[in-house]
Protein backbone atom coordinates (compact mmCIF):
# COMPACT_ATOMS: atom_id res chain seq x y z
CA MET A 1 113.66 87.96 155.64
CA GLU A 2 115.79 91.12 154.05
CA ALA A 3 118.00 88.40 152.91
CA GLU A 4 115.53 86.21 151.58
CA LEU A 5 113.85 89.20 149.66
CA ASN A 6 117.37 89.87 148.45
CA LYS A 7 117.45 86.04 147.00
CA VAL A 8 114.45 86.62 145.36
CA ALA A 9 115.11 89.62 143.75
CA VAL A 10 118.44 88.11 142.08
CA SER A 11 116.81 84.93 141.33
CA PRO A 12 117.97 83.34 138.20
CA LEU A 13 114.51 82.76 136.83
CA VAL A 14 113.87 86.42 136.65
CA ALA A 15 117.11 87.43 135.72
CA ALA A 16 117.34 84.89 132.89
CA PRO A 17 116.85 86.48 129.48
CA ARG A 18 113.52 85.14 127.61
CA VAL A 19 114.06 82.81 124.98
CA LEU A 20 111.62 82.23 122.13
CA ARG A 21 110.60 78.78 121.55
CA PRO A 22 110.53 77.86 117.76
CA GLU A 23 107.00 77.59 117.39
CA ALA A 24 107.32 81.36 118.56
CA HIS A 25 109.44 82.36 115.69
CA VAL A 26 106.79 80.26 113.25
CA SER A 27 104.22 82.50 114.74
CA VAL A 28 106.14 85.88 113.78
CA HIS A 29 106.99 84.62 110.49
CA THR A 30 103.45 83.61 109.49
CA ARG A 31 102.00 86.88 111.03
CA HIS A 32 104.74 88.89 108.97
CA ALA A 33 103.73 87.17 105.74
CA ALA A 34 100.43 87.56 106.08
CA GLU A 35 100.83 91.33 106.61
CA LEU A 36 102.84 91.48 103.88
CA ARG A 37 100.46 89.43 101.29
CA LEU A 38 97.82 91.88 102.77
CA TYR A 39 99.51 94.76 101.71
CA VAL A 40 100.53 93.33 98.53
CA VAL A 41 97.05 92.73 97.35
CA LEU A 42 95.35 95.76 98.61
CA ILE A 43 98.06 97.55 96.66
CA THR A 44 97.26 95.76 93.59
CA LEU A 45 93.47 96.22 94.24
CA ILE A 46 94.08 100.22 94.71
CA ALA A 47 95.87 100.14 90.99
CA VAL A 48 92.95 97.81 89.37
CA MET A 49 90.35 100.19 90.94
CA PHE A 50 91.77 103.09 89.02
CA LEU A 51 92.16 101.36 85.94
CA SER A 52 88.67 100.31 86.22
CA ILE A 53 87.46 104.06 86.37
CA VAL A 54 89.67 104.89 83.55
CA VAL A 55 88.45 102.21 81.66
CA SER A 56 85.10 102.87 82.26
CA VAL A 57 85.42 106.70 81.76
CA SER A 58 86.52 106.10 78.41
CA LEU A 59 83.88 103.69 77.61
CA GLY A 60 80.56 104.44 76.35
CA ALA A 61 78.27 105.40 73.03
CA ILE A 62 80.54 108.15 72.79
CA HIS A 63 84.42 106.76 73.17
CA ILE A 64 86.98 109.04 74.85
CA PRO A 65 90.54 108.05 74.36
CA VAL A 66 92.21 107.25 77.61
CA LYS A 67 95.57 109.90 76.08
CA ALA A 68 93.02 112.48 75.00
CA MET A 69 90.83 112.10 78.64
CA PHE A 70 94.40 112.78 80.79
CA ALA A 71 95.47 115.56 78.35
CA ALA A 72 91.79 117.05 78.76
CA MET A 73 92.43 116.79 82.39
CA LEU A 74 95.87 118.92 82.09
CA HIS A 75 94.12 121.37 79.73
CA GLN A 76 96.45 120.38 77.04
CA GLY A 77 93.58 118.20 74.85
CA SER A 78 91.91 118.56 71.87
CA LEU A 79 88.72 117.08 73.03
CA THR A 80 85.08 118.40 71.46
CA GLU A 81 82.89 120.20 72.89
CA THR A 82 80.89 117.04 73.22
CA GLN A 83 83.35 115.13 74.37
CA ARG A 84 84.20 117.60 77.21
CA THR A 85 80.43 117.89 78.42
CA ILE A 86 80.20 114.25 78.44
CA LEU A 87 83.48 113.64 80.41
CA PHE A 88 83.03 116.21 83.06
CA ALA A 89 79.69 116.78 83.18
CA ILE A 90 78.32 112.97 82.87
CA ARG A 91 80.42 110.27 82.94
CA LEU A 92 83.38 111.10 85.28
CA PRO A 93 80.85 112.03 87.95
CA ARG A 94 78.95 108.95 87.49
CA VAL A 95 81.82 107.00 88.05
CA LEU A 96 83.45 108.50 90.86
CA ALA A 97 80.05 108.14 92.64
CA SER A 98 79.56 104.35 91.37
CA SER A 99 82.98 104.07 93.21
CA ILE A 100 81.83 105.67 96.69
CA VAL A 101 78.31 103.41 96.64
CA GLY A 102 80.09 100.39 96.01
CA ALA A 103 82.80 100.99 98.98
CA ALA A 104 80.04 102.27 101.13
CA LEU A 105 78.02 99.32 100.74
CA ALA A 106 80.62 97.00 101.00
CA VAL A 107 82.18 98.43 104.39
CA SER A 108 78.35 98.71 105.84
CA GLY A 109 77.50 95.35 104.75
CA LEU A 110 81.02 94.23 106.57
CA MET A 111 80.06 96.28 110.00
CA PHE A 112 76.37 95.03 110.40
CA GLN A 113 77.56 91.22 109.68
CA GLY A 114 79.91 91.18 112.09
CA LEU A 115 77.62 92.99 114.56
CA PHE A 116 74.98 90.78 114.13
CA ARG A 117 77.24 87.70 113.44
CA ASN A 118 74.81 87.32 110.86
CA PRO A 119 76.47 86.12 106.96
CA MET A 120 73.06 87.15 106.12
CA ALA A 121 73.32 90.68 107.08
CA ASP A 122 73.42 93.46 104.52
CA PRO A 123 73.32 97.15 104.78
CA TYR A 124 69.26 97.32 104.89
CA ILE A 125 69.35 95.37 107.63
CA ILE A 126 67.53 97.60 109.95
CA GLY A 127 65.12 98.98 107.64
CA ALA A 128 67.27 101.50 106.02
CA SER A 129 66.01 100.34 102.58
CA GLY A 130 62.23 101.15 103.75
CA GLY A 131 63.01 104.47 104.96
CA ALA A 132 65.00 105.55 102.06
CA ALA A 133 62.40 104.19 99.69
CA LEU A 134 59.60 106.43 101.17
CA GLY A 135 61.76 109.13 101.18
CA ALA A 136 62.57 109.35 97.81
CA CYS A 137 59.10 108.52 96.67
CA ILE A 138 58.21 112.04 98.11
CA GLY A 139 60.86 113.53 96.77
CA ILE A 140 60.28 111.91 93.13
CA VAL A 141 56.67 112.92 93.55
CA PHE A 142 55.92 116.09 94.93
CA LEU A 143 59.32 117.84 95.21
CA SER A 144 61.31 116.99 92.06
CA GLN A 145 62.04 120.20 90.91
CA ILE A 146 63.89 121.18 94.37
CA SER A 147 67.86 120.78 94.84
CA ILE A 148 69.77 121.98 97.65
CA PHE A 149 73.83 122.12 97.43
CA GLY A 150 73.30 120.00 94.13
CA PHE A 151 71.49 117.51 95.23
CA SER A 152 67.95 116.86 94.80
CA ALA A 153 65.04 116.40 96.90
CA THR A 154 65.17 112.47 96.07
CA ALA A 155 68.76 112.24 97.20
CA LEU A 156 68.28 114.53 100.14
CA LEU A 157 64.93 113.05 101.28
CA ALA A 158 66.22 109.50 100.61
CA PHE A 159 68.89 110.37 103.05
CA ALA A 160 66.86 111.77 105.53
CA GLY A 161 64.34 108.93 105.43
CA SER A 162 66.99 106.58 105.96
CA VAL A 163 68.64 107.90 108.75
CA ILE A 164 65.55 108.72 110.79
CA THR A 165 64.18 105.23 110.27
CA MET A 166 67.32 103.21 111.65
CA ALA A 167 66.77 106.05 114.67
CA VAL A 168 62.85 104.99 115.39
CA VAL A 169 64.20 101.23 115.07
CA TYR A 170 67.24 101.67 117.40
CA SER A 171 64.99 103.14 120.02
CA LEU A 172 62.29 100.28 119.57
CA ALA A 173 64.40 97.70 119.80
CA ARG A 174 66.35 99.44 123.02
CA ALA A 175 65.08 98.42 126.67
CA ARG A 176 66.30 98.70 130.12
CA GLY A 177 69.49 100.56 128.67
CA ARG A 178 70.27 97.45 126.41
CA THR A 179 69.73 96.72 122.79
CA SER A 180 68.92 93.00 121.92
CA GLY A 181 70.69 92.31 118.14
CA VAL A 182 67.90 89.98 117.59
CA THR A 183 65.03 92.71 118.54
CA LEU A 184 66.95 95.05 116.45
CA LEU A 185 66.58 92.43 113.30
CA LEU A 186 62.94 92.06 113.73
CA ALA A 187 61.84 95.85 114.53
CA GLY A 188 64.10 96.80 111.28
CA PHE A 189 62.65 94.01 109.19
CA ALA A 190 59.49 95.38 110.09
CA VAL A 191 59.71 98.72 110.11
CA GLY A 192 61.53 98.48 106.41
CA THR A 193 58.60 95.99 105.11
CA MET A 194 55.93 98.32 106.07
CA LEU A 195 57.84 101.80 104.60
CA SER A 196 58.70 99.73 101.73
CA ASN A 197 54.99 98.39 101.03
CA SER A 198 54.18 102.11 101.58
CA THR A 199 55.54 103.47 98.34
CA TYR A 200 53.15 101.72 96.00
CA LEU A 201 50.49 104.37 97.54
CA PHE A 202 52.54 107.08 95.11
CA GLU A 203 51.22 105.14 91.66
CA ILE A 204 47.90 106.62 92.94
CA PHE A 205 48.84 109.83 94.11
CA ASP A 206 51.15 110.66 91.30
CA PRO A 207 49.92 113.29 88.97
CA ASN A 208 51.90 112.31 86.22
CA SER A 209 52.02 108.39 86.65
CA THR A 210 53.56 107.76 83.70
CA SER A 211 57.19 109.00 84.59
CA GLY A 212 57.00 109.71 88.26
CA THR A 213 56.21 105.71 88.50
CA ARG A 214 58.47 104.77 86.54
CA ILE A 215 61.23 107.11 87.89
CA VAL A 216 60.28 105.27 91.40
CA ALA A 217 60.77 101.75 89.63
CA ALA A 218 64.05 102.55 88.48
CA TRP A 219 65.10 104.14 91.68
CA LEU A 220 63.96 100.88 93.88
CA HIS A 221 66.19 98.89 91.42
CA GLY A 222 69.15 100.79 92.06
CA THR A 223 70.69 103.46 89.12
CA ILE A 224 73.92 105.20 89.61
CA GLY A 225 72.86 109.15 88.77
CA VAL A 226 74.85 111.97 87.35
CA PRO A 227 75.82 113.93 90.41
CA GLU A 228 76.60 117.17 90.02
CA TRP A 229 80.16 118.26 91.37
CA THR A 230 79.33 119.88 94.85
CA GLN A 231 77.01 116.97 95.70
CA LEU A 232 79.91 114.42 94.77
CA ALA A 233 82.48 116.62 97.16
CA ILE A 234 79.76 116.79 100.18
CA THR A 235 79.20 112.70 99.89
CA PHE A 236 82.67 111.95 99.61
CA CYS A 237 83.47 114.21 102.64
CA LEU A 238 81.01 111.92 104.70
CA PHE A 239 82.14 108.94 103.23
CA ILE A 240 85.90 109.84 104.44
CA LEU A 241 84.57 110.98 108.02
CA SER A 242 82.67 107.48 107.73
CA MET A 243 85.66 105.43 106.99
CA LEU A 244 87.87 107.73 109.82
CA ALA A 245 85.49 106.48 112.09
CA ALA A 246 84.76 103.04 110.78
CA PHE A 247 88.80 102.22 111.73
CA PRO A 248 88.80 102.42 115.46
CA LEU A 249 85.64 100.57 115.55
CA MET A 250 86.97 97.57 113.84
CA ARG A 251 88.77 96.44 116.91
CA ARG A 252 85.94 96.62 119.15
CA LEU A 253 83.69 94.47 116.27
CA ASN A 254 86.65 91.78 116.64
CA THR A 255 85.96 91.71 120.69
CA LEU A 256 82.08 92.10 120.07
CA ALA A 257 82.32 88.81 118.23
CA LEU A 258 83.41 86.82 121.43
CA GLY A 259 79.98 87.63 122.97
CA ASP A 260 78.81 90.46 125.04
CA GLU A 261 80.05 89.30 128.07
CA HIS A 262 83.36 88.38 126.86
CA ALA A 263 83.65 91.89 125.40
CA HIS A 264 82.64 93.58 129.00
CA GLN A 265 85.18 91.38 130.86
CA LEU A 266 88.11 92.77 128.27
CA GLY A 267 86.99 96.61 129.27
CA VAL A 268 84.56 96.98 126.14
CA ARG A 269 81.54 99.58 126.87
CA VAL A 270 79.25 96.79 124.91
CA GLU A 271 76.40 98.98 124.71
CA THR A 272 78.36 102.43 123.04
CA ALA A 273 80.48 100.11 120.82
CA ARG A 274 77.27 98.92 119.41
CA ILE A 275 75.70 102.45 118.99
CA ALA A 276 78.95 103.74 117.25
CA ILE A 277 79.50 100.71 114.70
CA ILE A 278 75.54 101.12 114.03
CA LEU A 279 75.86 104.80 113.53
CA ALA A 280 78.75 104.63 111.09
CA ALA A 281 77.06 101.83 108.78
CA SER A 282 74.00 103.86 108.50
CA LEU A 283 75.84 106.37 107.95
CA LEU A 284 77.33 104.69 104.92
CA THR A 285 74.37 103.24 103.84
CA ALA A 286 72.46 106.41 103.47
CA ILE A 287 75.64 108.05 101.64
CA ALA A 288 75.30 104.95 99.30
CA VAL A 289 70.95 105.29 98.96
CA SER A 290 71.29 108.95 97.98
CA LEU A 291 73.65 108.47 95.30
CA GLY A 292 72.48 105.42 93.74
CA GLY A 293 69.12 103.83 95.13
CA LEU A 294 68.63 100.40 96.57
CA ILE A 295 71.84 98.34 95.02
CA SER A 296 70.73 95.24 97.70
CA PHE A 297 73.72 92.91 96.52
CA ALA A 298 76.84 94.78 97.03
CA GLY A 299 76.76 95.00 101.09
CA LEU A 300 76.36 91.00 100.54
CA ILE A 301 78.84 89.67 98.50
CA ILE A 302 82.00 91.74 99.25
CA PRO A 303 82.29 91.11 102.58
CA HIS A 304 81.99 87.48 102.01
CA VAL A 305 84.63 87.15 99.70
CA ALA A 306 86.69 89.24 101.22
CA ARG A 307 86.23 86.85 104.63
CA LEU A 308 86.95 83.68 102.47
CA LEU A 309 90.19 84.93 101.08
CA PHE A 310 91.44 86.59 104.81
CA GLY A 311 89.52 85.79 107.46
CA PRO A 312 87.65 86.57 110.05
CA ASP A 313 90.03 89.84 111.14
CA ASN A 314 87.83 93.09 110.47
CA VAL A 315 90.70 95.42 110.55
CA ARG A 316 92.03 93.62 107.90
CA LEU A 317 88.95 93.37 106.28
CA LEU A 318 88.52 97.09 106.16
CA PRO A 319 90.27 98.41 103.49
CA VAL A 320 90.35 95.39 101.33
CA THR A 321 86.59 95.63 101.54
CA ALA A 322 86.39 99.25 100.70
CA VAL A 323 88.26 98.77 97.56
CA ALA A 324 87.19 96.09 95.98
CA GLY A 325 83.44 97.45 96.52
CA ALA A 326 84.19 100.21 94.63
CA ILE A 327 85.50 97.94 91.99
CA PHE A 328 82.79 95.67 91.96
CA LEU A 329 80.27 98.49 91.64
CA VAL A 330 82.39 100.43 88.94
CA VAL A 331 82.80 97.47 86.86
CA ALA A 332 79.00 96.79 87.14
CA ASP A 333 77.81 99.78 86.45
CA THR A 334 79.56 100.13 83.18
CA LEU A 335 78.29 96.96 82.07
CA ALA A 336 74.87 97.77 82.96
CA ARG A 337 74.89 101.09 80.45
CA THR A 338 77.06 99.60 78.31
CA LEU A 339 75.49 96.04 77.25
CA LEU A 340 72.32 97.69 75.97
CA ALA A 341 73.28 100.85 74.53
CA PRO A 342 71.54 103.38 74.30
CA SER A 343 69.30 101.62 76.67
CA GLU A 344 70.35 100.94 80.42
CA LEU A 345 70.06 98.33 83.02
CA PRO A 346 69.33 99.57 86.57
CA VAL A 347 72.64 98.32 87.83
CA GLY A 348 70.92 97.11 90.90
CA ILE A 349 69.07 93.95 88.49
CA LEU A 350 72.30 93.60 86.67
CA MET A 351 74.17 92.98 90.12
CA VAL A 352 71.89 90.42 91.34
CA PHE A 353 72.33 88.18 87.48
CA LEU A 354 76.19 88.82 87.44
CA GLY A 355 77.03 88.72 91.60
CA GLY A 356 74.42 85.93 92.16
CA PRO A 357 75.83 83.11 90.44
CA PHE A 358 79.76 84.29 91.05
CA PHE A 359 78.87 84.25 94.69
CA LEU A 360 77.47 80.45 94.45
CA TYR A 361 80.60 79.55 92.44
CA LEU A 362 83.14 80.66 94.86
CA LEU A 363 80.86 79.13 97.74
CA ARG A 364 81.31 75.59 95.93
CA LYS A 365 84.75 76.06 94.65
CA GLY A 366 86.31 76.97 97.78
CA LYS A 367 84.23 74.97 100.33
CA ARG A 368 85.93 77.39 102.78
CA GLU A 369 84.24 78.08 106.09
CA TYR A 370 84.86 81.34 108.04
CA THR A 371 83.66 82.88 111.24
CA LEU A 372 82.42 86.09 112.11
């Protein structure tokens, strides 16, 4: 018996070195080429993002030369007091806010589309928009003079309304320790619709209907405000925390795409992973809502385009989607405030008319399918 075991231990099949087949070499080469392409695209997008921010800050009713703008940031410029105020108190905070909003909406849309395996899912899919709208209306009509750490009551209550609504929807959809994706979508639609339509009541209660109602309407159509630097810093920190939480969740999202049963067999705690994804995506949505109101198209188009170009791997799509979303909304907000200057369009409305036809063109031209 011992001799036979020794024969097995020194079997040529065990000792022989593993030889890669030609197909394996091709697969490795293809994977490296795809990674290199992703890095090149990502570096290019980051460069385009910085360029779009610089150009956006420079453009406006009062033009600020790029060279003078950089010199002013180094405290060596000769800008007038008016130009300095426009640069540091108005234009730069707004452009940075639009980049955060665009990135947050795009990543949130990516996560919700992957979680629900639904290409029509967007950041407001589970009722966040309705809760945010109701909270913002309360802030605009009744608490417009209140500000905490640079956040207006509108932004704070919109943030709180979004988070509370998503918590309520999740609790309604949860039964027997599990949450059905279909039930979650239906509960979100019902609650969000009720809360969104409740904003009409504020036209009756608004003591100054000519101004308050107009502000509510502009906010509901998506308008990037001019945040204070404190507000911008806090929301940026929350955005970074959400992104750090999203990175490890992308692999879970890839596994969940196989179905709950397969994911469970692979060792994924399905319910825990689903809760974590919803929390991260909801926080990103609330961040975007607090800075820019309801902008309903960025979280739909950017993940779609990214998937058409790079496939369904959420790990690879996360950084590309974030940077592309930032670029998209910076450009859209720049057009919104310059096309009809000195008047200004709500960026949410402009996004629909620019993004919709562009998205349909891509689908028609590419004629490619992708999976979630």
